[in-house]
N, C-alpha and C. Protein backbone atom coordinates (compact mmCIF):
# COMPACT_ATOMS: atom_id res chain seq x y z
N MET A 1 85.43 104.80 89.30
CA MET A 1 85.81 103.71 90.15
C MET A 1 86.64 102.73 89.32
N SER A 2 87.70 102.21 89.90
CA SER A 2 88.59 101.33 89.14
C SER A 2 87.93 99.97 88.92
N ALA A 3 88.41 99.29 87.91
CA ALA A 3 87.85 97.99 87.57
C ALA A 3 88.13 96.97 88.66
N ALA A 4 89.26 97.09 89.35
CA ALA A 4 89.58 96.15 90.43
C ALA A 4 88.59 96.28 91.58
N VAL A 5 88.19 97.50 91.89
CA VAL A 5 87.21 97.71 92.97
C VAL A 5 85.85 97.16 92.55
N LYS A 6 85.47 97.38 91.31
CA LYS A 6 84.19 96.85 90.82
C LYS A 6 84.18 95.33 90.89
N TYR A 7 85.26 94.70 90.45
CA TYR A 7 85.33 93.25 90.45
C TYR A 7 85.31 92.70 91.88
N THR A 8 86.04 93.35 92.77
CA THR A 8 86.07 92.91 94.17
C THR A 8 84.69 93.04 94.80
N LEU A 9 84.02 94.15 94.56
CA LEU A 9 82.67 94.31 95.10
C LEU A 9 81.71 93.29 94.50
N GLY A 10 81.88 92.97 93.24
CA GLY A 10 81.06 91.94 92.61
C GLY A 10 81.28 90.57 93.24
N ARG A 11 82.54 90.24 93.52
CA ARG A 11 82.83 88.95 94.16
C ARG A 11 82.24 88.88 95.56
N VAL A 12 82.41 89.95 96.33
CA VAL A 12 81.88 89.97 97.69
C VAL A 12 80.35 89.91 97.66
N GLY A 13 79.74 90.66 96.77
CA GLY A 13 78.28 90.64 96.65
C GLY A 13 77.75 89.28 96.26
N LEU A 14 78.45 88.63 95.36
CA LEU A 14 78.03 87.29 94.95
C LEU A 14 78.17 86.30 96.10
N PHE A 15 79.23 86.42 96.88
CA PHE A 15 79.41 85.56 98.04
C PHE A 15 78.29 85.76 99.05
N VAL A 16 77.95 87.01 99.32
CA VAL A 16 76.89 87.31 100.28
C VAL A 16 75.55 86.79 99.78
N ALA A 17 75.28 86.91 98.48
CA ALA A 17 74.02 86.43 97.93
C ALA A 17 73.91 84.90 98.05
N VAL A 18 74.99 84.21 97.73
CA VAL A 18 74.97 82.75 97.83
C VAL A 18 74.85 82.33 99.30
N LEU A 19 75.56 83.02 100.18
CA LEU A 19 75.48 82.70 101.61
C LEU A 19 74.07 82.94 102.14
N ALA A 20 73.42 83.99 101.69
CA ALA A 20 72.04 84.27 102.12
C ALA A 20 71.12 83.15 101.66
N GLY A 21 71.34 82.62 100.46
CA GLY A 21 70.53 81.51 99.98
C GLY A 21 70.78 80.24 100.76
N LEU A 22 72.02 80.01 101.14
CA LEU A 22 72.35 78.81 101.91
C LEU A 22 71.97 78.93 103.38
N TRP A 23 71.75 80.15 103.84
CA TRP A 23 71.43 80.36 105.25
C TRP A 23 70.08 79.73 105.62
N LEU A 24 69.25 79.57 104.63
CA LEU A 24 67.93 78.97 104.87
C LEU A 24 68.01 77.46 105.04
N VAL A 25 69.11 76.86 104.60
CA VAL A 25 69.27 75.41 104.69
C VAL A 25 69.82 75.08 106.08
N ASP A 26 69.33 73.99 106.65
CA ASP A 26 69.75 73.59 107.99
C ASP A 26 71.03 72.75 107.91
N MET A 27 72.17 73.37 108.19
CA MET A 27 73.45 72.67 108.24
C MET A 27 74.44 73.50 109.06
N ASN A 28 75.62 72.97 109.26
CA ASN A 28 76.67 73.61 110.03
C ASN A 28 77.06 74.96 109.40
N VAL A 29 77.33 75.95 110.22
CA VAL A 29 77.69 77.29 109.74
C VAL A 29 78.99 77.24 108.92
N PHE A 30 79.97 76.48 109.41
CA PHE A 30 81.23 76.37 108.68
C PHE A 30 81.01 75.76 107.30
N LEU A 31 80.17 74.77 107.20
CA LEU A 31 79.85 74.15 105.92
C LEU A 31 79.14 75.14 105.00
N LYS A 32 78.24 75.94 105.56
CA LYS A 32 77.57 76.98 104.77
C LYS A 32 78.57 77.96 104.18
N LEU A 33 79.53 78.40 105.01
CA LEU A 33 80.55 79.35 104.54
C LEU A 33 81.41 78.73 103.44
N MET A 34 81.80 77.47 103.62
CA MET A 34 82.64 76.81 102.62
C MET A 34 81.88 76.61 101.31
N LEU A 35 80.63 76.19 101.38
CA LEU A 35 79.83 76.03 100.16
C LEU A 35 79.59 77.36 99.47
N ALA A 36 79.33 78.40 100.25
CA ALA A 36 79.13 79.73 99.67
C ALA A 36 80.39 80.20 98.96
N LEU A 37 81.55 79.91 99.54
CA LEU A 37 82.81 80.30 98.92
C LEU A 37 83.02 79.57 97.60
N VAL A 38 82.79 78.28 97.59
CA VAL A 38 82.99 77.48 96.37
C VAL A 38 81.98 77.87 95.30
N PHE A 39 80.70 77.97 95.66
CA PHE A 39 79.68 78.30 94.67
C PHE A 39 79.85 79.72 94.13
N SER A 40 80.21 80.66 94.98
CA SER A 40 80.38 82.03 94.50
C SER A 40 81.61 82.14 93.60
N ALA A 41 82.65 81.36 93.87
CA ALA A 41 83.83 81.36 93.00
C ALA A 41 83.48 80.82 91.62
N ALA A 42 82.71 79.72 91.60
CA ALA A 42 82.30 79.14 90.32
C ALA A 42 81.37 80.08 89.54
N LEU A 43 80.44 80.69 90.24
CA LEU A 43 79.52 81.62 89.57
C LEU A 43 80.24 82.87 89.07
N SER A 44 81.20 83.35 89.84
CA SER A 44 81.91 84.57 89.42
C SER A 44 82.73 84.33 88.16
N PHE A 45 83.15 83.09 87.95
CA PHE A 45 83.91 82.78 86.73
C PHE A 45 83.07 83.08 85.49
N PHE A 46 81.79 82.83 85.57
CA PHE A 46 80.91 83.07 84.43
C PHE A 46 80.23 84.44 84.48
N LEU A 47 79.75 84.82 85.65
CA LEU A 47 78.95 86.05 85.75
C LEU A 47 79.78 87.33 85.72
N LEU A 48 81.01 87.27 86.18
CA LEU A 48 81.83 88.48 86.28
C LEU A 48 82.94 88.52 85.24
N ARG A 49 82.76 87.83 84.13
CA ARG A 49 83.79 87.77 83.09
C ARG A 49 84.13 89.17 82.55
N GLY A 50 83.13 89.98 82.31
CA GLY A 50 83.36 91.32 81.77
C GLY A 50 84.18 92.19 82.72
N LEU A 51 83.83 92.15 84.00
CA LEU A 51 84.59 92.93 84.98
C LEU A 51 86.02 92.41 85.11
N ARG A 52 86.17 91.08 85.04
CA ARG A 52 87.51 90.50 85.15
C ARG A 52 88.37 90.90 83.95
N ASP A 53 87.80 90.89 82.75
CA ASP A 53 88.54 91.29 81.56
C ASP A 53 88.91 92.77 81.61
N GLU A 54 87.99 93.59 82.10
CA GLU A 54 88.26 95.02 82.24
C GLU A 54 89.39 95.27 83.24
N MET A 55 89.38 94.53 84.34
CA MET A 55 90.43 94.66 85.35
C MET A 55 91.78 94.20 84.78
N ALA A 56 91.78 93.12 84.01
CA ALA A 56 93.02 92.62 83.42
C ALA A 56 93.60 93.62 82.43
N ALA A 57 92.74 94.26 81.65
CA ALA A 57 93.22 95.27 80.69
C ALA A 57 93.79 96.48 81.43
N GLU A 58 93.14 96.88 82.51
CA GLU A 58 93.63 98.00 83.31
C GLU A 58 95.00 97.68 83.93
N MET A 59 95.15 96.46 84.41
CA MET A 59 96.42 96.06 85.00
C MET A 59 97.52 95.95 83.95
N ALA A 60 97.18 95.50 82.74
CA ALA A 60 98.17 95.42 81.66
C ALA A 60 98.63 96.81 81.25
N ASP A 61 97.71 97.77 81.18
CA ASP A 61 98.07 99.14 80.85
C ASP A 61 99.01 99.73 81.91
N ALA A 62 98.71 99.46 83.17
CA ALA A 62 99.55 99.96 84.25
C ALA A 62 100.94 99.33 84.19
N ALA A 63 101.01 98.05 83.85
CA ALA A 63 102.32 97.39 83.74
C ALA A 63 103.12 97.97 82.58
N ASP A 64 102.45 98.27 81.46
CA ASP A 64 103.14 98.89 80.33
C ASP A 64 103.66 100.27 80.69
N ARG A 65 102.86 101.05 81.42
CA ARG A 65 103.32 102.39 81.83
C ARG A 65 104.53 102.28 82.76
N ARG A 66 104.48 101.33 83.70
CA ARG A 66 105.62 101.14 84.62
C ARG A 66 106.86 100.70 83.86
N ARG A 67 106.70 99.81 82.89
CA ARG A 67 107.84 99.33 82.10
C ARG A 67 108.45 100.47 81.29
N THR A 68 107.61 101.29 80.68
CA THR A 68 108.11 102.43 79.89
C THR A 68 108.84 103.42 80.78
N GLU A 69 108.27 103.72 81.94
CA GLU A 69 108.91 104.65 82.87
C GLU A 69 110.23 104.09 83.38
N LYS A 70 110.27 102.81 83.63
CA LYS A 70 111.50 102.17 84.11
C LYS A 70 112.60 102.26 83.04
N GLU A 71 112.24 102.01 81.79
CA GLU A 71 113.21 102.11 80.70
C GLU A 71 113.70 103.54 80.55
N ARG A 72 112.79 104.51 80.69
CA ARG A 72 113.19 105.91 80.58
C ARG A 72 114.14 106.29 81.70
N LEU A 73 113.85 105.84 82.92
CA LEU A 73 114.73 106.15 84.04
C LEU A 73 116.10 105.50 83.89
N ARG A 74 116.12 104.26 83.40
CA ARG A 74 117.41 103.59 83.18
C ARG A 74 118.23 104.31 82.13
N ALA A 75 117.56 104.77 81.07
CA ALA A 75 118.26 105.51 80.03
C ALA A 75 118.80 106.83 80.58
N ALA A 76 118.03 107.48 81.43
CA ALA A 76 118.48 108.74 82.01
C ALA A 76 119.67 108.51 82.94
N LEU A 77 119.64 107.44 83.71
CA LEU A 77 120.76 107.14 84.60
C LEU A 77 122.01 106.75 83.83
N ALA A 78 121.82 106.13 82.68
CA ALA A 78 122.97 105.73 81.85
C ALA A 78 123.50 106.91 81.05
N GLY A 79 122.80 108.02 81.04
CA GLY A 79 123.25 109.20 80.32
C GLY A 79 122.90 109.17 78.85
N GLU A 80 121.99 108.33 78.46
CA GLU A 80 121.65 108.20 77.05
C GLU A 80 120.74 109.31 76.54
N ASP A 81 120.09 110.01 77.44
CA ASP A 81 119.15 111.04 76.98
C ASP A 81 119.75 112.44 77.05
N GLN A 82 121.05 112.54 77.26
CA GLN A 82 121.69 113.85 77.28
C GLN A 82 121.86 114.34 75.86
N PRO A 83 121.88 115.66 75.66
CA PRO A 83 122.05 116.19 74.30
C PRO A 83 123.43 115.80 73.77
N PRO A 84 123.54 115.59 72.46
CA PRO A 84 124.83 115.20 71.90
C PRO A 84 125.85 116.32 72.06
N THR A 85 127.08 115.92 72.20
CA THR A 85 128.15 116.92 72.33
C THR A 85 128.52 117.45 70.96
N ASP A 86 129.25 118.53 70.94
CA ASP A 86 129.67 119.18 69.70
C ASP A 86 130.61 118.23 68.94
N PRO A 87 130.30 117.90 67.67
CA PRO A 87 131.10 116.92 66.95
C PRO A 87 132.48 117.44 66.56
N THR A 88 132.67 118.76 66.53
CA THR A 88 133.99 119.29 66.15
C THR A 88 134.88 119.33 67.38
N PRO A 89 136.05 118.69 67.29
CA PRO A 89 136.93 118.67 68.47
C PRO A 89 137.54 120.04 68.72
N ARG A 90 137.68 120.37 69.94
CA ARG A 90 138.29 121.64 70.31
C ARG A 90 139.77 121.41 70.52
N THR A 91 140.53 122.16 69.82
CA THR A 91 141.98 122.01 69.93
C THR A 91 142.50 123.07 70.86
N THR A 92 143.40 122.66 71.67
CA THR A 92 144.06 123.62 72.55
C THR A 92 145.43 123.91 71.96
N PRO A 93 145.81 125.13 71.93
CA PRO A 93 147.11 125.47 71.35
C PRO A 93 148.23 124.89 72.20
N GLN A 94 149.21 124.36 71.51
CA GLN A 94 150.36 123.76 72.19
C GLN A 94 151.40 124.83 72.54
N ASP A 95 151.47 125.85 71.73
CA ASP A 95 152.45 126.90 71.94
C ASP A 95 151.83 127.98 72.82
N PRO A 96 152.47 128.37 73.91
CA PRO A 96 151.88 129.40 74.77
C PRO A 96 151.74 130.75 74.08
N ASP A 97 152.49 131.01 73.03
CA ASP A 97 152.38 132.29 72.32
C ASP A 97 151.08 132.39 71.54
N GLN A 98 150.47 131.26 71.18
CA GLN A 98 149.23 131.28 70.41
C GLN A 98 148.04 131.66 71.26
N GLN A 99 148.16 131.57 72.56
CA GLN A 99 147.04 131.88 73.44
C GLN A 99 146.80 133.38 73.55
N ARG A 100 147.73 134.21 73.16
CA ARG A 100 147.58 135.65 73.33
C ARG A 100 146.70 136.25 72.32
């Protein structure tokens, strides 16, 4: 499972847990949702640090792979990766009698 999915599930789970704790308090539903969102965001900053770092490393690796592939494709389109041509120039005879 990718680190982004783990982190997302952790954030959603933390939100649901905080909301379940606030559900016992007598207040407006909208206020409960807003408080659960704020508290779960603050808690995830500390509790999900490892998953967040893992996701950031995975995203950095993917960006490096995309950058390398992009450079390779640009080089291929520019013709830089073609094999070198023969360094000795080919001379064509100027006199038609030399062609025989």
